[in-house]
Protein backbone atom coordinates (compact mmCIF):
# COMPACT_ATOMS: atom_id res chain seq x y z
CA UNK A 1 0.00 0.00 0.00
CA UNK A 2 1.29 3.45 -0.93
CA UNK A 3 1.95 6.16 1.60
CA UNK A 4 -0.90 8.75 1.79
CA UNK A 5 -0.41 11.85 -0.39
CA UNK A 6 -0.14 14.11 2.68
CA UNK A 7 2.82 12.08 3.93
CA UNK A 8 4.49 11.87 0.53
CA UNK A 9 4.10 15.62 0.03
CA UNK A 10 5.40 16.35 3.54
CA UNK A 11 8.43 14.15 3.01
CA UNK A 12 9.13 15.91 -0.29
CA UNK A 13 8.93 19.33 1.37
CA UNK A 14 11.25 18.18 4.16
CA UNK A 15 13.75 16.64 1.71
CA UNK A 16 13.82 19.82 -0.39
CA UNK A 17 14.16 22.01 2.70
CA UNK A 18 17.01 19.90 4.04
CA UNK A 19 18.75 19.93 0.63
CA UNK A 20 18.69 23.74 0.80
CA UNK A 21 20.00 23.58 4.37
CA UNK A 22 17.24 25.80 5.78
CA UNK A 23 15.29 25.43 9.01
CA UNK A 24 11.56 24.96 9.33
CA UNK A 25 11.49 28.46 10.78
CA UNK A 26 13.21 29.91 7.70
CA UNK A 27 10.88 28.06 5.34
CA UNK A 28 7.88 29.24 7.37
CA UNK A 29 9.13 32.83 7.05
CA UNK A 30 9.60 32.48 3.29
CA UNK A 31 6.13 30.94 2.89
CA UNK A 32 4.36 33.36 5.27
CA UNK A 33 3.25 30.43 7.41
CA UNK A 34 3.85 29.44 11.03
CA UNK A 35 6.65 27.07 11.97
CA UNK A 36 4.05 24.74 13.49
CA UNK A 37 2.16 24.66 10.20
CA UNK A 38 5.33 23.72 8.29
CA UNK A 39 6.05 21.02 10.86
CA UNK A 40 2.51 19.63 10.48
CA UNK A 41 2.87 19.55 6.69
CA UNK A 42 6.21 17.76 6.88
CA UNK A 43 4.70 15.14 9.19
CA UNK A 44 1.77 14.67 6.80
CA UNK A 45 -0.87 15.71 9.33
CA UNK A 46 -2.27 18.63 7.30
CA UNK A 47 -4.49 18.47 4.25
CA UNK A 48 -3.30 21.66 2.58
CA UNK A 49 -4.86 23.88 -0.09
CA UNK A 50 -3.58 24.71 -3.54
CA UNK A 51 -2.68 28.20 -2.31
CA UNK A 52 -0.44 26.73 0.39
CA UNK A 53 1.16 24.37 -2.13
CA UNK A 54 2.05 27.41 -4.23
CA UNK A 55 3.51 29.12 -1.13
CA UNK A 56 5.78 26.12 -0.56
CA UNK A 57 6.97 26.15 -4.18
CA UNK A 58 7.68 29.89 -3.94
CA UNK A 59 9.35 29.54 -0.54
CA UNK A 60 11.58 26.75 -1.80
CA UNK A 61 12.17 28.68 -5.05
CA UNK A 62 11.17 25.76 -7.24
CA UNK A 63 8.41 25.04 -9.74
CA UNK A 64 5.18 23.33 -8.83
CA UNK A 65 6.25 20.47 -11.08
CA UNK A 66 9.49 20.01 -9.14
CA UNK A 67 7.61 20.08 -5.85
CA UNK A 68 5.58 17.05 -6.95
CA UNK A 69 8.50 14.91 -8.14
CA UNK A 70 8.21 12.22 -5.51
C-alpha atoms as a PDB file:
ATOM      1  CA  UNK A   1       0.000   0.000   0.000  1.00  0.00           C
ATOM      2  CA  UNK A   2       1.288   3.448  -0.930  1.00  0.00           C
ATOM      3  CA  UNK A   3       1.948   6.165   1.603  1.00  0.00           C
ATOM      4  CA  UNK A   4      -0.897   8.753   1.785  1.00  0.00           C
ATOM      5  CA  UNK A   5      -0.405  11.848  -0.387  1.00  0.00           C
ATOM      6  CA  UNK A   6      -0.142  14.107   2.679  1.00  0.00           C
ATOM      7  CA  UNK A   7       2.821  12.083   3.935  1.00  0.00           C
ATOM      8  CA  UNK A   8       4.489  11.874   0.530  1.00  0.00           C
ATOM      9  CA  UNK A   9       4.099  15.624   0.028  1.00  0.00           C
ATOM     10  CA  UNK A  10       5.396  16.350   3.537  1.00  0.00           C
ATOM     11  CA  UNK A  11       8.433  14.146   3.009  1.00  0.00           C
ATOM     12  CA  UNK A  12       9.134  15.912  -0.285  1.00  0.00           C
ATOM     13  CA  UNK A  13       8.933  19.332   1.367  1.00  0.00           C
ATOM     14  CA  UNK A  14      11.250  18.178   4.162  1.00  0.00           C
ATOM     15  CA  UNK A  15      13.748  16.641   1.710  1.00  0.00           C
ATOM     16  CA  UNK A  16      13.819  19.821  -0.387  1.00  0.00           C
ATOM     17  CA  UNK A  17      14.163  22.013   2.700  1.00  0.00           C
ATOM     18  CA  UNK A  18      17.012  19.901   4.038  1.00  0.00           C
ATOM     19  CA  UNK A  19      18.752  19.934   0.627  1.00  0.00           C
ATOM     20  CA  UNK A  20      18.686  23.742   0.797  1.00  0.00           C
ATOM     21  CA  UNK A  21      19.996  23.583   4.369  1.00  0.00           C
ATOM     22  CA  UNK A  22      17.244  25.799   5.784  1.00  0.00           C
ATOM     23  CA  UNK A  23      15.294  25.428   9.005  1.00  0.00           C
ATOM     24  CA  UNK A  24      11.558  24.963   9.335  1.00  0.00           C
ATOM     25  CA  UNK A  25      11.492  28.463  10.779  1.00  0.00           C
ATOM     26  CA  UNK A  26      13.214  29.912   7.695  1.00  0.00           C
ATOM     27  CA  UNK A  27      10.877  28.056   5.345  1.00  0.00           C
ATOM     28  CA  UNK A  28       7.878  29.240   7.366  1.00  0.00           C
ATOM     29  CA  UNK A  29       9.128  32.830   7.052  1.00  0.00           C
ATOM     30  CA  UNK A  30       9.603  32.475   3.294  1.00  0.00           C
ATOM     31  CA  UNK A  31       6.127  30.941   2.888  1.00  0.00           C
ATOM     32  CA  UNK A  32       4.356  33.363   5.268  1.00  0.00           C
ATOM     33  CA  UNK A  33       3.245  30.431   7.415  1.00  0.00           C
ATOM     34  CA  UNK A  34       3.847  29.445  11.030  1.00  0.00           C
ATOM     35  CA  UNK A  35       6.648  27.067  11.971  1.00  0.00           C
ATOM     36  CA  UNK A  36       4.046  24.736  13.493  1.00  0.00           C
ATOM     37  CA  UNK A  37       2.163  24.659  10.195  1.00  0.00           C
ATOM     38  CA  UNK A  38       5.331  23.723   8.291  1.00  0.00           C
ATOM     39  CA  UNK A  39       6.047  21.019  10.858  1.00  0.00           C
ATOM     40  CA  UNK A  40       2.508  19.628  10.479  1.00  0.00           C
ATOM     41  CA  UNK A  41       2.866  19.549   6.689  1.00  0.00           C
ATOM     42  CA  UNK A  42       6.214  17.761   6.879  1.00  0.00           C
ATOM     43  CA  UNK A  43       4.704  15.144   9.191  1.00  0.00           C
ATOM     44  CA  UNK A  44       1.769  14.670   6.805  1.00  0.00           C
ATOM     45  CA  UNK A  45      -0.872  15.714   9.330  1.00  0.00           C
ATOM     46  CA  UNK A  46      -2.265  18.634   7.299  1.00  0.00           C
ATOM     47  CA  UNK A  47      -4.486  18.471   4.249  1.00  0.00           C
ATOM     48  CA  UNK A  48      -3.301  21.660   2.578  1.00  0.00           C
ATOM     49  CA  UNK A  49      -4.862  23.882  -0.093  1.00  0.00           C
ATOM     50  CA  UNK A  50      -3.576  24.714  -3.544  1.00  0.00           C
ATOM     51  CA  UNK A  51      -2.680  28.204  -2.311  1.00  0.00           C
ATOM     52  CA  UNK A  52      -0.437  26.732   0.385  1.00  0.00           C
ATOM     53  CA  UNK A  53       1.164  24.366  -2.128  1.00  0.00           C
ATOM     54  CA  UNK A  54       2.045  27.409  -4.225  1.00  0.00           C
ATOM     55  CA  UNK A  55       3.508  29.116  -1.127  1.00  0.00           C
ATOM     56  CA  UNK A  56       5.778  26.117  -0.561  1.00  0.00           C
ATOM     57  CA  UNK A  57       6.968  26.154  -4.178  1.00  0.00           C
ATOM     58  CA  UNK A  58       7.678  29.885  -3.939  1.00  0.00           C
ATOM     59  CA  UNK A  59       9.352  29.538  -0.538  1.00  0.00           C
ATOM     60  CA  UNK A  60      11.583  26.749  -1.804  1.00  0.00           C
ATOM     61  CA  UNK A  61      12.170  28.680  -5.052  1.00  0.00           C
ATOM     62  CA  UNK A  62      11.166  25.755  -7.237  1.00  0.00           C
ATOM     63  CA  UNK A  63       8.411  25.042  -9.744  1.00  0.00           C
ATOM     64  CA  UNK A  64       5.180  23.330  -8.826  1.00  0.00           C
ATOM     65  CA  UNK A  65       6.246  20.465 -11.080  1.00  0.00           C
ATOM     66  CA  UNK A  66       9.489  20.012  -9.143  1.00  0.00           C
ATOM     67  CA  UNK A  67       7.611  20.075  -5.853  1.00  0.00           C
ATOM     68  CA  UNK A  68       5.577  17.051  -6.948  1.00  0.00           C
ATOM     69  CA  UNK A  69       8.499  14.911  -8.138  1.00  0.00           C
ATOM     70  CA  UNK A  70       8.213  12.217  -5.510  1.00  0.00           C
END
